[in-house]
Amino acid sequence: MRIKALAILLAVALGGCASSTAPPVAESPTGNTVVAVVGTPFLLAFKAATCAVTLAVAAPAAGILALGVDPYGDGYDYLGSGVAHNCGPPYVLSPTPG
């Protein structure tokens, strides 16, 4: 039961990363700043979880690629760009100008 709940939570969290964002609504700069300040801890939490999952998948995949015919080919580039995208900046939300 616990594993199912964790799998559902992970699917919802990762599904949110894949969804498109709504167009921005004209808000006051103060509101954007508040959203950025309050949202930054959530960004860090979700980015840390996404990065951990990415590394958990990329590390064994790199080992499997090393056993292949071309161990340092396009597969490593693909894994490297995925890790850079999921584990790299931004780490802080910045308010958009209003």
N, C-alpha and C. Protein backbone atom coordinates (compact mmCIF):
# COMPACT_ATOMS: atom_id res chain seq x y z
N MET A 1 0.83 -1.19 0.00
CA MET A 1 0.00 0.00 0.00
C MET A 1 0.87 1.25 0.00
N ARG A 2 1.95 1.24 0.79
CA ARG A 2 2.84 2.38 0.88
C ARG A 2 3.56 2.61 -0.45
N ILE A 3 3.93 1.55 -1.13
CA ILE A 3 4.63 1.67 -2.41
C ILE A 3 3.70 2.25 -3.47
N LYS A 4 2.43 1.84 -3.45
CA LYS A 4 1.47 2.39 -4.41
C LYS A 4 1.29 3.88 -4.19
N ALA A 5 1.17 4.30 -2.94
CA ALA A 5 1.00 5.72 -2.65
C ALA A 5 2.21 6.51 -3.08
N LEU A 6 3.41 5.98 -2.85
CA LEU A 6 4.63 6.65 -3.28
C LEU A 6 4.71 6.72 -4.80
N ALA A 7 4.32 5.66 -5.48
CA ALA A 7 4.34 5.65 -6.95
C ALA A 7 3.36 6.67 -7.51
N ILE A 8 2.18 6.76 -6.90
CA ILE A 8 1.19 7.74 -7.36
C ILE A 8 1.70 9.16 -7.12
N LEU A 9 2.29 9.40 -5.96
CA LEU A 9 2.82 10.73 -5.66
C LEU A 9 3.93 11.11 -6.63
N LEU A 10 4.81 10.16 -6.93
CA LEU A 10 5.89 10.42 -7.87
C LEU A 10 5.35 10.68 -9.27
N ALA A 11 4.35 9.91 -9.69
CA ALA A 11 3.76 10.11 -11.02
C ALA A 11 3.10 11.48 -11.12
N VAL A 12 2.42 11.90 -10.08
CA VAL A 12 1.78 13.22 -10.09
C VAL A 12 2.83 14.32 -10.12
N ALA A 13 3.88 14.17 -9.32
CA ALA A 13 4.92 15.19 -9.29
C ALA A 13 5.65 15.29 -10.63
N LEU A 14 6.00 14.16 -11.21
CA LEU A 14 6.69 14.19 -12.50
C LEU A 14 5.76 14.58 -13.62
N GLY A 15 4.47 14.24 -13.51
CA GLY A 15 3.50 14.65 -14.51
C GLY A 15 3.34 16.16 -14.54
N GLY A 16 3.45 16.78 -13.38
CA GLY A 16 3.38 18.24 -13.33
C GLY A 16 4.54 18.89 -14.04
N CYS A 17 5.69 18.22 -14.09
CA CYS A 17 6.85 18.76 -14.80
C CYS A 17 6.64 18.72 -16.31
N ALA A 18 5.84 17.79 -16.78
CA ALA A 18 5.65 17.62 -18.21
C ALA A 18 4.49 18.45 -18.75
N SER A 19 3.64 18.99 -17.88
CA SER A 19 2.49 19.73 -18.37
C SER A 19 2.90 21.13 -18.82
N SER A 20 2.11 21.69 -19.72
CA SER A 20 2.41 23.03 -20.20
C SER A 20 1.89 24.05 -19.21
N THR A 21 2.48 25.22 -19.24
CA THR A 21 2.07 26.26 -18.32
C THR A 21 1.04 27.16 -18.97
N ALA A 22 0.21 27.74 -18.15
CA ALA A 22 -0.80 28.67 -18.64
C ALA A 22 -0.14 30.00 -18.96
N PRO A 23 -0.72 30.77 -19.88
CA PRO A 23 -0.13 32.07 -20.17
C PRO A 23 -0.20 32.97 -18.93
N PRO A 24 0.80 33.82 -18.76
CA PRO A 24 0.82 34.65 -17.57
C PRO A 24 -0.33 35.66 -17.58
N VAL A 25 -0.84 35.90 -16.39
CA VAL A 25 -1.90 36.89 -16.21
C VAL A 25 -1.25 38.16 -15.71
N ALA A 26 -1.75 39.29 -16.17
CA ALA A 26 -1.18 40.56 -15.73
C ALA A 26 -1.40 40.72 -14.23
N GLU A 27 -0.34 40.67 -13.47
CA GLU A 27 -0.39 40.80 -12.02
C GLU A 27 0.53 41.94 -11.61
N SER A 28 0.37 42.34 -10.39
CA SER A 28 1.24 43.40 -9.88
C SER A 28 2.63 42.80 -9.63
N PRO A 29 3.67 43.62 -9.74
CA PRO A 29 5.02 43.12 -9.45
C PRO A 29 5.14 42.58 -8.03
N THR A 30 4.39 43.16 -7.08
CA THR A 30 4.45 42.68 -5.70
C THR A 30 3.93 41.25 -5.61
N GLY A 31 2.83 40.96 -6.32
CA GLY A 31 2.29 39.60 -6.32
C GLY A 31 3.27 38.60 -6.92
N ASN A 32 3.96 39.01 -7.99
CA ASN A 32 4.96 38.13 -8.60
C ASN A 32 6.11 37.86 -7.65
N THR A 33 6.50 38.87 -6.89
CA THR A 33 7.59 38.69 -5.93
C THR A 33 7.18 37.73 -4.82
N VAL A 34 5.95 37.87 -4.35
CA VAL A 34 5.47 36.97 -3.29
C VAL A 34 5.42 35.54 -3.80
N VAL A 35 4.93 35.34 -5.02
CA VAL A 35 4.88 33.99 -5.59
C VAL A 35 6.28 33.42 -5.73
N ALA A 36 7.24 34.24 -6.15
CA ALA A 36 8.62 33.77 -6.30
C ALA A 36 9.22 33.38 -4.95
N VAL A 37 8.97 34.18 -3.93
CA VAL A 37 9.52 33.90 -2.61
C VAL A 37 8.90 32.64 -2.01
N VAL A 38 7.58 32.52 -2.11
CA VAL A 38 6.90 31.36 -1.54
C VAL A 38 7.16 30.11 -2.38
N GLY A 39 7.30 30.26 -3.68
CA GLY A 39 7.48 29.11 -4.56
C GLY A 39 8.88 28.54 -4.59
N THR A 40 9.90 29.32 -4.22
CA THR A 40 11.28 28.85 -4.29
C THR A 40 11.54 27.59 -3.46
N PRO A 41 11.06 27.48 -2.22
CA PRO A 41 11.29 26.22 -1.49
C PRO A 41 10.66 25.00 -2.18
N PHE A 42 9.50 25.20 -2.80
CA PHE A 42 8.87 24.10 -3.52
C PHE A 42 9.68 23.75 -4.77
N LEU A 43 10.19 24.76 -5.46
CA LEU A 43 11.07 24.51 -6.61
C LEU A 43 12.27 23.67 -6.19
N LEU A 44 12.89 24.04 -5.09
CA LEU A 44 14.06 23.30 -4.62
C LEU A 44 13.70 21.86 -4.25
N ALA A 45 12.57 21.68 -3.60
CA ALA A 45 12.16 20.32 -3.20
C ALA A 45 11.88 19.46 -4.43
N PHE A 46 11.12 19.99 -5.39
CA PHE A 46 10.81 19.21 -6.59
C PHE A 46 12.05 19.00 -7.45
N LYS A 47 12.93 20.01 -7.52
CA LYS A 47 14.15 19.87 -8.32
C LYS A 47 15.07 18.81 -7.70
N ALA A 48 15.15 18.79 -6.37
CA ALA A 48 15.99 17.79 -5.70
C ALA A 48 15.46 16.38 -5.95
N ALA A 49 14.14 16.21 -5.86
CA ALA A 49 13.55 14.89 -6.11
C ALA A 49 13.73 14.47 -7.56
N THR A 50 13.50 15.40 -8.48
CA THR A 50 13.66 15.09 -9.91
C THR A 50 15.11 14.76 -10.23
N CYS A 51 16.03 15.51 -9.65
CA CYS A 51 17.46 15.26 -9.88
C CYS A 51 17.85 13.89 -9.33
N ALA A 52 17.35 13.53 -8.16
CA ALA A 52 17.68 12.23 -7.57
C ALA A 52 17.18 11.09 -8.45
N VAL A 53 15.96 11.22 -8.97
CA VAL A 53 15.42 10.18 -9.86
C VAL A 53 16.23 10.13 -11.15
N THR A 54 16.59 11.28 -11.67
CA THR A 54 17.39 11.33 -12.90
C THR A 54 18.72 10.62 -12.70
N LEU A 55 19.39 10.90 -11.59
CA LEU A 55 20.68 10.26 -11.32
C LEU A 55 20.53 8.77 -11.08
N ALA A 56 19.43 8.37 -10.45
CA ALA A 56 19.20 6.95 -10.20
C ALA A 56 18.98 6.19 -11.51
N VAL A 57 18.48 6.86 -12.52
CA VAL A 57 18.28 6.23 -13.83
C VAL A 57 19.54 6.35 -14.68
N ALA A 58 20.19 7.52 -14.63
CA ALA A 58 21.34 7.78 -15.50
C ALA A 58 22.57 6.96 -15.12
N ALA A 59 22.78 6.72 -13.84
CA ALA A 59 23.98 5.99 -13.42
C ALA A 59 24.00 4.56 -13.94
N PRO A 60 22.94 3.77 -13.76
CA PRO A 60 22.97 2.42 -14.33
C PRO A 60 22.97 2.44 -15.85
N ALA A 61 22.28 3.43 -16.43
CA ALA A 61 22.26 3.52 -17.90
C ALA A 61 23.67 3.78 -18.43
N ALA A 62 24.45 4.60 -17.72
CA ALA A 62 25.83 4.85 -18.13
C ALA A 62 26.66 3.58 -18.05
N GLY A 63 26.42 2.78 -17.01
CA GLY A 63 27.13 1.50 -16.90
C GLY A 63 26.78 0.56 -18.03
N ILE A 64 25.51 0.53 -18.41
CA ILE A 64 25.08 -0.32 -19.52
C ILE A 64 25.69 0.18 -20.82
N LEU A 65 25.74 1.50 -20.99
CA LEU A 65 26.34 2.06 -22.21
C LEU A 65 27.82 1.71 -22.31
N ALA A 66 28.50 1.64 -21.17
CA ALA A 66 29.93 1.32 -21.17
C ALA A 66 30.18 -0.09 -21.68
N LEU A 67 29.19 -0.97 -21.58
CA LEU A 67 29.35 -2.33 -22.07
C LEU A 67 29.12 -2.43 -23.58
N GLY A 68 28.59 -1.37 -24.18
CA GLY A 68 28.24 -1.39 -25.59
C GLY A 68 29.44 -1.25 -26.50
N VAL A 69 29.16 -1.22 -27.80
CA VAL A 69 30.20 -1.12 -28.82
C VAL A 69 30.86 0.25 -28.80
N ASP A 70 30.07 1.31 -28.66
CA ASP A 70 30.57 2.68 -28.63
C ASP A 70 30.29 3.27 -27.26
N PRO A 71 31.15 3.00 -26.27
CA PRO A 71 30.82 3.38 -24.90
C PRO A 71 30.72 4.88 -24.66
N TYR A 72 31.35 5.71 -25.48
CA TYR A 72 31.31 7.15 -25.25
C TYR A 72 30.66 7.87 -26.41
N GLY A 73 29.61 7.31 -26.95
CA GLY A 73 28.92 7.89 -28.09
C GLY A 73 27.80 8.83 -27.68
N ASP A 74 26.75 8.82 -28.49
CA ASP A 74 25.62 9.72 -28.28
C ASP A 74 24.86 9.44 -27.00
N GLY A 75 24.92 8.23 -26.50
CA GLY A 75 24.20 7.89 -25.28
C GLY A 75 24.67 8.72 -24.09
N TYR A 76 25.98 8.91 -23.97
CA TYR A 76 26.50 9.72 -22.87
C TYR A 76 26.09 11.18 -23.03
N ASP A 77 26.07 11.67 -24.26
CA ASP A 77 25.62 13.05 -24.49
C ASP A 77 24.17 13.21 -24.07
N TYR A 78 23.35 12.22 -24.41
CA TYR A 78 21.93 12.26 -24.04
C TYR A 78 21.76 12.23 -22.53
N LEU A 79 22.48 11.34 -21.86
CA LEU A 79 22.40 11.27 -20.40
C LEU A 79 22.91 12.55 -19.75
N GLY A 80 24.01 13.06 -20.28
CA GLY A 80 24.58 14.29 -19.72
C GLY A 80 23.66 15.48 -19.86
N SER A 81 23.01 15.61 -21.01
CA SER A 81 22.09 16.74 -21.17
C SER A 81 20.86 16.58 -20.28
N GLY A 82 20.41 15.35 -20.07
CA GLY A 82 19.27 15.13 -19.17
C GLY A 82 19.61 15.47 -17.74
N VAL A 83 20.80 15.09 -17.29
CA VAL A 83 21.23 15.41 -15.93
C VAL A 83 21.40 16.92 -15.78
N ALA A 84 22.01 17.56 -16.78
CA ALA A 84 22.18 19.02 -16.71
C ALA A 84 20.84 19.74 -16.68
N HIS A 85 19.88 19.26 -17.45
CA HIS A 85 18.57 19.89 -17.50
C HIS A 85 17.81 19.71 -16.19
N ASN A 86 17.83 18.50 -15.63
CA ASN A 86 17.04 18.21 -14.43
C ASN A 86 17.74 18.61 -13.14
N CYS A 87 19.06 18.72 -13.14
CA CYS A 87 19.79 19.04 -11.91
C CYS A 87 20.40 20.44 -11.92
N GLY A 88 20.36 21.10 -13.05
CA GLY A 88 20.99 22.42 -13.17
C GLY A 88 20.06 23.56 -12.79
N PRO A 89 20.56 24.79 -12.94
CA PRO A 89 19.77 25.97 -12.58
C PRO A 89 18.53 26.11 -13.45
N PRO A 90 17.56 26.86 -13.04
CA PRO A 90 17.53 27.81 -11.93
C PRO A 90 17.20 27.13 -10.61
N TYR A 91 17.75 27.67 -9.54
CA TYR A 91 17.48 27.15 -8.21
C TYR A 91 16.58 28.09 -7.41
N VAL A 92 16.36 29.27 -7.93
CA VAL A 92 15.54 30.27 -7.26
C VAL A 92 14.56 30.84 -8.30
N LEU A 93 13.31 30.97 -7.92
CA LEU A 93 12.34 31.60 -8.81
C LEU A 93 12.57 33.10 -8.80
N SER A 94 12.46 33.72 -9.95
CA SER A 94 12.60 35.17 -10.01
C SER A 94 11.29 35.75 -10.52
N PRO A 95 10.86 36.84 -9.93
CA PRO A 95 9.59 37.43 -10.35
C PRO A 95 9.71 38.00 -11.76
N THR A 96 8.66 37.87 -12.52
CA THR A 96 8.64 38.46 -13.85
C THR A 96 8.19 39.90 -13.74
N PRO A 97 8.71 40.76 -14.59
CA PRO A 97 8.29 42.15 -14.50
C PRO A 97 6.81 42.29 -14.82
N GLY A 98 6.13 43.11 -14.08
CA GLY A 98 4.70 43.25 -14.23
C GLY A 98 4.26 44.36 -15.09
